[in-house]
Protein backbone atom coordinates (compact mmCIF):
# COMPACT_ATOMS: atom_id res chain seq x y z
CA MET A 1 8.17 25.16 14.18
CA PRO A 2 10.08 26.74 11.27
CA GLY A 3 13.79 27.04 12.02
CA GLU A 4 13.81 24.66 14.98
CA ASP A 5 16.69 22.18 15.34
CA TYR A 6 14.84 19.05 14.25
CA LEU A 7 17.85 16.81 14.89
CA GLU A 8 18.09 17.81 18.54
CA ASN A 9 14.30 17.77 18.97
CA ILE A 10 14.16 14.20 17.67
CA ALA A 11 17.07 13.17 19.91
CA LYS A 12 15.40 14.65 23.00
CA ALA A 13 12.09 12.97 22.17
CA VAL A 14 13.60 9.48 21.88
CA GLU A 15 16.35 9.78 24.53
CA GLY A 16 16.06 7.00 27.10
CA ARG A 17 13.67 5.05 24.87
CA LEU A 18 16.00 3.67 22.20
CA GLU A 19 17.64 0.26 22.01
CA GLU A 20 19.97 -1.15 19.38
CA GLY A 21 18.07 -2.06 16.24
CA ASP A 22 14.98 0.08 16.89
CA ILE A 23 13.18 1.70 13.98
CA VAL A 24 12.45 5.42 14.32
CA THR A 25 9.79 6.81 11.99
CA VAL A 26 9.53 10.57 11.48
CA SER A 27 6.75 12.54 9.78
CA GLU A 28 7.75 14.31 6.59
CA LYS A 29 5.47 17.25 7.48
CA ALA A 30 7.34 17.94 10.73
CA LEU A 31 10.69 17.91 8.93
CA CYS A 32 9.46 20.17 6.10
CA THR A 33 8.10 22.68 8.61
CA ALA A 34 11.31 22.74 10.65
CA LYS A 35 13.41 23.09 7.48
CA GLY A 36 11.28 26.05 6.38
CA ARG A 37 9.89 24.34 3.30
CA ILE A 38 6.62 26.24 3.58
CA VAL A 39 4.93 28.78 1.31
CA ASP A 40 2.51 31.57 2.24
CA GLU A 41 -0.21 31.27 -0.39
CA SER A 42 -1.76 34.61 0.58
CA ARG A 43 1.12 36.23 -1.31
CA VAL A 44 0.48 34.24 -4.50
CA ARG A 45 -1.19 35.78 -7.55
CA PRO A 46 -3.01 32.97 -9.38
CA GLY A 47 -3.19 32.69 -13.15
CA LEU A 48 -6.16 31.85 -15.35
CA LEU A 49 -5.49 28.11 -15.36
CA SER A 50 -5.37 27.87 -11.57
CA LYS A 51 -8.63 29.88 -11.33
CA LEU A 52 -10.33 27.50 -13.77
CA MET A 53 -9.07 24.52 -11.79
CA ALA A 54 -10.48 25.93 -8.55
CA GLY A 55 -13.82 27.03 -9.98
CA VAL A 56 -14.56 24.28 -12.49
CA TRP A 57 -12.29 21.27 -12.05
CA MET A 58 -12.53 21.13 -8.25
CA ARG A 59 -16.12 22.21 -7.73
CA ILE A 60 -17.71 20.37 -10.64
CA VAL A 61 -15.46 17.53 -11.83
CA TRP A 62 -14.31 16.46 -8.37
CA GLY A 63 -17.47 17.60 -6.58
CA TYR A 64 -19.91 15.73 -8.80
CA PHE A 65 -17.96 13.02 -10.61
CA LEU A 66 -14.47 12.05 -9.48
CA GLY A 67 -15.32 12.38 -5.78
CA GLN A 68 -17.88 9.61 -6.13
CA VAL A 69 -15.67 7.51 -8.41
CA CYS A 70 -12.95 7.67 -5.76
CA GLN A 71 -15.42 6.89 -2.97
CA LEU A 72 -14.62 10.03 -0.98
CA LYS A 73 -16.52 10.72 2.21
CA THR A 74 -19.79 12.58 1.73
CA GLU A 75 -18.55 15.52 3.79
CA ASN A 76 -15.48 15.87 1.60
CA ILE A 77 -17.58 15.79 -1.56
CA HIS A 78 -19.71 18.61 -0.14
CA ARG A 79 -16.56 20.55 0.69
CA LEU A 80 -15.28 20.13 -2.85
CA ARG A 81 -18.55 21.43 -4.27
CA ASN A 82 -17.90 24.58 -2.26
CA TYR A 83 -14.17 24.69 -2.89
CA PRO A 84 -12.91 28.21 -2.03
CA ILE A 85 -12.16 30.03 -5.27
CA LYS A 86 -9.72 32.67 -3.99
CA GLU A 87 -7.66 30.49 -1.66
CA GLY A 88 -8.03 27.45 -3.93
CA SER A 89 -6.75 29.33 -6.99
CA ALA A 90 -3.63 30.42 -5.09
CA HIS A 91 -3.09 26.86 -3.89
CA LYS A 92 -3.36 25.41 -7.39
CA GLN A 93 -0.89 28.03 -8.63
CA VAL A 94 1.65 26.91 -6.02
CA VAL A 95 1.17 23.29 -7.12
CA LEU A 96 1.69 24.24 -10.76
CA TRP A 97 4.91 26.04 -9.79
CA HIS A 98 6.37 23.38 -7.52
CA ALA A 99 4.91 20.13 -8.88
CA SER A 100 3.07 19.61 -12.20
CA LEU A 101 -0.27 19.81 -13.95
CA LEU A 102 -0.94 16.12 -13.30
CA GLN A 103 -0.41 16.74 -9.59
CA ALA A 104 -2.56 19.89 -9.63
CA LEU A 105 -5.49 17.80 -10.92
CA LEU A 106 -5.66 16.06 -7.52
CA TRP A 107 -8.13 17.31 -4.93
CA GLY A 108 -5.59 17.48 -2.09
CA SER A 109 -1.94 16.91 -1.08
CA GLU A 110 -0.90 17.56 -4.65
CA GLY A 111 2.73 16.63 -5.25
CA GLY A 112 3.16 16.22 -1.49
CA ILE A 113 2.08 19.86 -0.97
CA ASP A 114 -0.18 20.00 2.06
CA ALA A 115 -1.91 22.62 4.23
CA GLY A 116 -2.81 20.33 7.13
CA ASN A 117 -1.49 21.29 10.58
CA LEU A 118 -0.16 24.59 9.31
CA PRO A 119 -1.61 28.03 10.12
CA TYR A 120 -3.02 30.87 8.04
CA SER A 121 -2.38 30.33 4.31
CA TYR A 122 0.79 28.28 4.71
CA VAL A 123 1.39 24.99 2.92
CA SER A 124 4.38 22.69 3.14
CA LEU A 125 6.30 21.55 0.08
CA SER A 126 7.57 18.00 -0.25
CA LEU A 127 10.92 17.14 1.32
CA LYS A 128 14.00 17.52 -0.86
CA GLY A 129 16.40 14.57 -0.73
CA PRO A 130 14.51 12.45 1.86
CA GLN A 131 17.20 9.74 1.77
CA ASN A 132 19.89 12.25 2.75
CA VAL A 133 17.70 13.59 5.57
CA ALA A 134 17.05 10.07 6.90
CA GLU A 135 20.81 9.37 6.89
CA GLU A 136 21.44 12.67 8.66
CA ILE A 137 18.99 11.78 11.43
CA ARG A 138 20.39 8.26 11.80
CA LEU A 139 23.96 9.50 12.11
CA TYR A 140 22.96 12.20 14.60
CA LEU A 141 21.10 9.72 16.84
CA GLY A 142 24.07 7.35 16.69
CA LYS A 143 26.50 10.07 17.74
CA ARG A 144 24.25 11.82 20.25
CA LEU A 145 22.65 8.77 21.92
CA GLY A 146 25.06 5.96 21.07
CA ARG A 147 22.42 3.77 19.45
CA LYS A 148 22.42 2.21 16.01
CA VAL A 149 18.90 2.54 14.69
CA THR A 150 16.97 2.53 11.44
CA VAL A 151 15.26 5.77 10.42
CA ILE A 152 12.22 5.88 8.13
CA ILE A 153 10.68 9.11 6.86
CA VAL A 154 6.96 8.64 6.19
CA ASP A 155 4.13 10.58 4.59
CA THR A 156 0.38 10.06 4.91
CA ASP A 157 -0.16 10.22 1.13
CA ARG A 158 -1.26 6.82 -0.03
CA THR A 159 0.58 4.08 -1.85
CA TYR A 160 -1.61 1.54 -3.66
CA SER A 161 -0.67 -2.11 -4.01
CA TYR A 162 -1.70 -4.65 -6.63
CA GLY A 163 0.01 -7.86 -5.67
CA GLY A 164 3.69 -6.99 -5.47
CA PHE A 165 3.35 -3.83 -7.54
CA HIS A 166 3.22 -0.61 -5.50
CA PHE A 167 2.44 2.83 -6.90
CA THR A 168 1.63 6.30 -5.61
CA HIS A 169 0.67 9.72 -6.92
CA ARG A 170 3.28 11.58 -4.90
CA PRO A 171 6.88 12.22 -6.03
CA ASP A 172 10.06 10.72 -4.53
CA PRO A 173 8.74 7.63 -2.73
CA LEU A 174 10.96 4.84 -1.40
CA LYS A 175 12.75 2.80 -4.07
CA GLY A 176 10.43 -0.02 -5.12
CA ILE A 177 7.35 2.21 -5.07
CA HIS A 178 6.51 3.70 -8.45
CA SER A 179 5.44 7.34 -8.78
CA LEU A 180 2.97 7.30 -11.68
CA LEU A 181 1.06 10.05 -13.45
CA GLY A 182 -0.08 12.12 -10.49
CA PHE A 183 -3.84 12.16 -10.14
CA VAL A 184 -4.24 9.16 -12.49
CA SER A 185 -2.62 6.90 -9.88
CA TYR A 186 -4.87 8.28 -7.16
CA VAL A 187 -8.07 7.81 -9.16
CA ALA A 188 -7.09 4.31 -10.31
CA GLY A 189 -6.10 3.16 -6.83
CA ARG A 190 -9.23 4.52 -5.18
CA ALA A 191 -11.67 3.49 -7.92
CA LEU A 192 -10.34 -0.08 -8.01
CA GLY A 193 -10.40 -0.37 -4.21
CA LEU A 194 -6.75 -1.42 -4.03
CA GLN A 195 -4.94 -1.83 -0.73
CA ARG A 196 -3.68 1.57 0.36
CA ARG A 197 -1.08 2.47 2.95
CA SER A 198 0.94 5.51 3.95
CA THR A 199 4.07 6.10 1.92
CA PRO A 200 7.63 5.56 3.17
CA LEU A 201 9.98 8.04 1.52
CA ALA A 202 13.37 6.85 2.76
CA VAL A 203 14.95 4.13 4.90
CA ALA A 204 18.40 4.57 6.44
CA GLY A 205 20.31 2.12 8.61
CA SER A 206 19.14 -1.30 7.44
CA SER A 207 17.53 -3.15 4.55
CA ILE A 208 13.76 -3.31 4.90
CA GLY A 209 11.51 -4.77 2.23
CA VAL A 210 8.98 -2.48 0.57
CA ASP A 211 5.97 -4.34 2.01
CA LEU A 212 7.31 -4.12 5.55
CA ALA A 213 8.19 -0.45 5.07
CA LEU A 214 4.62 0.21 3.88
CA ASP A 215 3.18 -1.63 6.90
CA ILE A 216 5.40 0.36 9.26
CA ALA A 217 4.46 3.65 7.56
CA GLU A 218 0.75 2.87 7.87
CA ALA A 219 1.08 1.79 11.51
CA ALA A 220 2.99 4.99 12.29
CA HIS A 221 0.24 7.06 10.66
CA ARG A 222 -2.49 5.37 12.70
CA LEU A 223 -0.53 5.73 15.94
CA ARG A 224 0.38 9.38 15.41
CA GLY A 225 -3.16 10.47 14.65
CA SER A 226 -3.95 13.52 12.54
CA GLY A 227 -2.87 16.31 14.89
CA ALA A 228 -5.31 19.19 14.54
CA GLY A 229 -7.24 17.50 11.75
CA LEU A 230 -7.02 15.13 8.81
CA THR A 231 -7.76 17.91 6.29
CA VAL A 232 -7.52 21.70 6.37
CA TRP A 233 -11.32 21.77 6.71
CA ASP A 234 -11.22 19.46 9.73
CA MET A 235 -8.54 21.65 11.30
CA ALA A 236 -10.57 24.83 10.79
CA GLU A 237 -13.73 23.22 12.17
CA ARG A 238 -11.87 22.00 15.23
CA PHE A 239 -10.93 25.57 16.15
CA GLY A 240 -14.16 27.13 14.86
CA VAL A 241 -12.43 29.48 12.41
CA GLY A 242 -12.05 29.91 8.66
CA VAL A 243 -9.62 27.75 6.74
CA THR A 244 -7.01 30.53 6.67
CA ASN A 245 -7.56 31.75 10.24
CA VAL A 246 -5.86 28.98 12.21
CA THR A 247 -2.93 30.42 14.18
CA TRP A 248 0.39 29.03 15.42
CA SER A 249 -0.88 29.28 19.00
CA MET A 250 -3.95 27.21 18.14
CA LEU A 251 -1.75 24.51 16.65
CA ARG A 252 0.56 24.59 19.68
CA SER A 253 -2.44 23.81 21.89
CA ILE A 254 -2.68 20.39 20.25
CA ARG A 255 -0.29 17.59 21.11
CA HIS A 256 1.40 16.55 17.87
CA LYS A 257 3.19 13.19 17.69
CA PRO A 258 5.48 13.11 14.65
CA ILE A 259 7.71 10.26 15.90
CA VAL A 260 6.95 6.59 16.49
CA ILE A 261 9.54 4.07 17.67
CA PHE A 262 9.16 0.48 16.56
CA LYS A 263 10.93 -2.22 18.57
CA ARG A 264 11.97 -5.66 17.36
CA ARG A 265 10.78 -8.45 19.64
CA LYS A 266 11.41 -12.11 18.75
CA GLY A 267 10.94 -11.67 15.04
CA SER A 268 8.07 -9.20 15.30
CA ILE A 269 7.97 -5.44 15.48
CA GLN A 270 6.19 -3.59 18.27
CA HIS A 271 5.68 0.13 18.63
CA LEU A 272 6.22 2.79 21.23
CA ARG A 273 4.45 6.06 20.55
CA THR A 274 6.42 9.20 21.44
């Protein structure tokens, strides 16, 4: 929840489970929410460009062309064809303010801005200084629990891989992953059917290769699940309400799992879901 002590919450969640050398992965969304990096889009007055993006770019270009090029699920294509004009215009305006036009051209999670698992008209912004936050968590766990661990902050936005070259549409990924041209990266990666994995944003405590960090981020995503829903539409359907009518109490009724511990065993890495 906004304003909660995320350092102590993480320590309590992993207490009694950690060993020296473990890898602790933490969801960016949980950290952004606790740090208050959320925006109420119901208070946003959209401009002409954001209205055109919601009414034309999203409904027509994504709904009838790019959605199929990117091999989106049929249900998501139908949702895009009925993209909400009022709420969507406000959302695009927030993306234009906090990210860029190339990010706003995406159909979701633009610039790391995401409405999933948040109530009402709230969206979370991307995490500022993820490397500093990862170091902060690592140091706190070392002091509080007496364990030297590696901390990885992960996001569900996808990184695409072509051989040893890794790229993503979202800003501020882990060093070794290239952030390229916003929606162009997304369309290229999806259209070409490249390998895609969740994106690690920061690693603190040890040296981990980019490929291994990507594998860990993807495994953490699969183990955590999607909370109340993979998209804001899924979340609303789960509770049987409109996309801006999900409440904090509804979200609290779902068990969210933002932390996964990975344990090293004889050269391999195993996981323990928390």
